[in-house]
Amino acid sequence: MTEPTGAAPNEPVEVLPLVVISKIFPARPSSIPEIREFVRSSLADSPLTEEGNREVTQTVFRALLTAAGPVGTIQISFRIFPEHVEIDVLHSHSGVPGDPPVRDAAGGTFAAWMGEVLKREGLTQQDVAKQLGVSVRTVSRWVGGETEPRMRDLRRLQERFGDLPLS
């Protein structure tokens, strides 16, 4: 075995315990509850305070909304050291045109919210479609609970109508 370049002979080497946790999720809104649980359980034994855990969770979701695209996956990786945590949020595109939409796994929560937004704002499905740059059929499917928005559409929905039912 050779000494690493630049290391002085007989100098102590500090070895830190490290836990690496990584998981890949579909880049869809229905993944958010599972992602939230993954973040919570991964950080349960971390050196972060409860406030730190909340900040990390919010950072992950901001990164999801910023980095997400219409299809593909989100990979969240934690490197947990004794005194700090490092996080990576990576987005990959599946490259498959026309990936099928994911069915609403939230039991219609988003559909109900979208219907309430239409009523509250006094908008038609056509109005919302025009504002978001999607088809009226897409908005109709969201309101009917047939599909859920892609992450890029979710980001626009949040910018236009405020907090979404993602918990």
Protein backbone atom coordinates (compact mmCIF):
# COMPACT_ATOMS: atom_id res chain seq x y z
CA MET A 1 0.00 0.00 0.00
CA THR A 2 1.35 3.43 -0.88
CA GLU A 3 0.91 6.70 0.96
CA PRO A 4 -1.45 9.21 -0.64
CA THR A 5 0.37 11.97 -2.49
CA GLY A 6 1.03 14.95 -0.23
CA ALA A 7 0.44 13.06 3.01
CA ALA A 8 3.25 13.27 5.52
CA PRO A 9 4.37 9.90 6.90
CA ASN A 10 2.99 9.03 10.33
CA GLU A 11 0.34 11.80 10.30
CA PRO A 12 -2.96 10.59 11.65
CA VAL A 13 -5.80 10.09 9.18
CA GLU A 14 -9.28 10.96 10.39
CA VAL A 15 -11.95 8.49 9.33
CA LEU A 16 -15.53 9.71 9.68
CA PRO A 17 -18.59 7.50 9.62
CA LEU A 18 -20.73 8.27 6.61
CA VAL A 19 -24.23 7.14 5.67
CA VAL A 20 -25.29 7.47 2.05
CA ILE A 21 -28.98 7.18 1.22
CA SER A 22 -30.32 7.62 -2.30
CA LYS A 23 -33.64 6.98 -3.99
CA ILE A 24 -35.15 7.69 -7.41
CA PHE A 25 -38.75 8.88 -7.82
CA PRO A 26 -40.94 9.60 -10.86
CA ALA A 27 -40.92 13.35 -11.57
CA ARG A 28 -44.65 13.65 -10.89
CA PRO A 29 -46.69 15.40 -8.23
CA SER A 30 -48.05 12.07 -6.97
CA SER A 31 -44.49 11.24 -5.85
CA ILE A 32 -44.39 14.15 -3.41
CA PRO A 33 -45.88 12.33 -0.38
CA GLU A 34 -43.41 9.46 -0.89
CA ILE A 35 -40.53 11.93 -1.32
CA ARG A 36 -41.57 13.75 1.85
CA GLU A 37 -41.56 10.45 3.79
CA PHE A 38 -38.17 9.52 2.31
CA VAL A 39 -36.68 12.84 3.41
CA ARG A 40 -38.23 12.53 6.89
CA SER A 41 -37.07 8.95 7.47
CA SER A 42 -33.61 9.54 5.95
CA LEU A 43 -32.96 12.49 8.24
CA ALA A 44 -34.46 10.93 11.39
CA ASP A 45 -31.02 10.04 12.80
CA SER A 46 -29.10 12.90 11.23
CA PRO A 47 -27.32 15.60 13.24
CA LEU A 48 -29.83 18.20 12.02
CA THR A 49 -32.26 19.88 14.37
CA GLU A 50 -36.00 19.69 13.70
CA GLU A 51 -35.78 23.17 12.16
CA GLY A 52 -32.87 22.00 10.00
CA ASN A 53 -34.93 19.02 8.82
CA ARG A 54 -37.78 21.36 7.84
CA GLU A 55 -35.37 23.60 5.95
CA VAL A 56 -33.92 20.62 4.09
CA THR A 57 -37.42 19.41 3.18
CA GLN A 58 -38.35 22.84 1.81
CA THR A 59 -35.07 23.06 -0.08
CA VAL A 60 -35.71 19.65 -1.69
CA PHE A 61 -39.20 20.70 -2.82
CA ARG A 62 -37.99 24.03 -4.19
CA ALA A 63 -35.33 22.12 -6.11
CA LEU A 64 -37.96 19.70 -7.41
CA LEU A 65 -40.15 22.50 -8.71
CA THR A 66 -37.16 24.29 -10.23
CA ALA A 67 -35.47 21.29 -11.84
CA ALA A 68 -38.43 19.18 -12.83
CA GLY A 69 -39.43 18.58 -16.41
CA PRO A 70 -42.34 16.93 -18.12
CA VAL A 71 -41.07 13.36 -17.75
CA GLY A 72 -38.22 11.48 -16.18
CA THR A 73 -37.10 10.99 -12.62
CA ILE A 74 -35.85 12.85 -9.59
CA GLN A 75 -33.02 11.33 -7.56
CA ILE A 76 -32.51 12.49 -3.99
CA SER A 77 -29.26 11.56 -2.27
CA PHE A 78 -28.16 12.28 1.29
CA ARG A 79 -24.65 11.98 2.65
CA ILE A 80 -25.00 12.06 6.42
CA PHE A 81 -21.84 12.87 8.38
CA PRO A 82 -21.60 13.12 12.18
CA GLU A 83 -21.90 16.92 12.12
CA HIS A 84 -23.58 17.81 8.84
CA VAL A 85 -25.66 16.57 5.92
CA GLU A 86 -25.05 16.99 2.20
CA ILE A 87 -27.94 16.72 -0.26
CA ASP A 88 -28.13 16.25 -4.03
CA VAL A 89 -31.34 16.54 -6.05
CA LEU A 90 -30.86 15.37 -9.62
CA HIS A 91 -33.34 15.34 -12.48
CA SER A 92 -33.16 13.01 -15.45
CA HIS A 93 -35.31 12.95 -18.55
CA SER A 94 -36.61 9.58 -19.70
CA GLY A 95 -36.13 10.55 -23.33
CA VAL A 96 -39.33 8.74 -24.28
CA PRO A 97 -41.70 11.06 -26.14
CA GLY A 98 -45.26 10.89 -24.92
CA ASP A 99 -44.58 9.12 -21.62
CA PRO A 100 -48.03 8.31 -20.25
CA PRO A 101 -49.35 10.52 -17.46
CA VAL A 102 -49.48 9.11 -13.97
CA ARG A 103 -52.92 8.55 -12.50
CA ASP A 104 -53.89 10.72 -9.55
CA ALA A 105 -52.49 8.76 -6.61
CA ALA A 106 -53.64 11.37 -4.13
CA GLY A 107 -57.24 10.15 -4.31
CA GLY A 108 -58.47 13.20 -6.19
CA THR A 109 -56.99 15.78 -3.82
CA PHE A 110 -55.47 17.74 -6.66
CA ALA A 111 -58.65 17.48 -8.75
CA ALA A 112 -60.74 18.85 -5.88
CA TRP A 113 -58.25 21.68 -5.33
CA MET A 114 -58.25 22.54 -9.04
CA GLY A 115 -62.05 22.63 -9.06
CA GLU A 116 -62.01 24.98 -6.06
CA VAL A 117 -59.48 27.24 -7.79
CA LEU A 118 -61.78 27.56 -10.79
CA LYS A 119 -64.70 28.53 -8.53
CA ARG A 120 -62.66 30.85 -6.31
CA GLU A 121 -61.04 32.67 -9.23
CA GLY A 122 -64.20 32.69 -11.36
CA LEU A 123 -62.32 31.02 -14.21
CA THR A 124 -63.30 28.53 -16.86
CA GLN A 125 -61.14 25.57 -17.83
CA GLN A 126 -60.39 27.46 -21.04
CA ASP A 127 -59.17 30.49 -19.02
CA VAL A 128 -56.80 28.33 -16.98
CA ALA A 129 -55.55 26.48 -20.06
CA LYS A 130 -54.72 29.78 -21.76
CA GLN A 131 -52.96 31.17 -18.66
CA LEU A 132 -50.84 28.05 -18.20
CA GLY A 133 -50.15 27.31 -21.86
CA VAL A 134 -51.81 23.89 -21.84
CA SER A 135 -54.82 22.49 -23.68
CA VAL A 136 -58.37 22.73 -22.38
CA ARG A 137 -58.43 18.91 -22.50
CA THR A 138 -55.45 18.83 -20.12
CA VAL A 139 -57.21 21.09 -17.61
CA SER A 140 -60.38 19.01 -17.99
CA ARG A 141 -58.43 15.85 -17.15
CA TRP A 142 -56.91 17.53 -14.08
CA VAL A 143 -60.30 18.69 -12.81
CA GLY A 144 -61.82 15.28 -13.55
CA GLY A 145 -59.05 13.46 -11.67
CA GLU A 146 -58.00 11.48 -14.77
CA THR A 147 -54.44 12.80 -14.74
CA GLU A 148 -52.26 15.11 -12.73
CA PRO A 149 -50.09 17.96 -13.93
CA ARG A 150 -46.52 17.48 -15.02
CA MET A 151 -43.97 19.03 -12.69
CA ARG A 152 -43.38 21.99 -15.03
CA ASP A 153 -47.16 22.66 -15.04
CA LEU A 154 -47.27 22.25 -11.28
CA ARG A 155 -44.68 24.98 -10.93
CA ARG A 156 -46.80 27.33 -13.08
CA LEU A 157 -49.93 26.41 -11.10
CA GLN A 158 -48.17 27.27 -7.86
CA GLU A 159 -46.91 30.58 -9.24
CA ARG A 160 -50.38 31.53 -10.46
CA PHE A 161 -52.71 30.10 -7.76
CA GLY A 162 -50.56 29.67 -4.63
CA ASP A 163 -49.92 26.69 -2.39
CA LEU A 164 -50.85 23.30 -3.77
CA PRO A 165 -52.31 20.31 -1.87
CA LEU A 166 -49.07 18.33 -1.71
CA SER A 167 -48.86 17.18 1.87
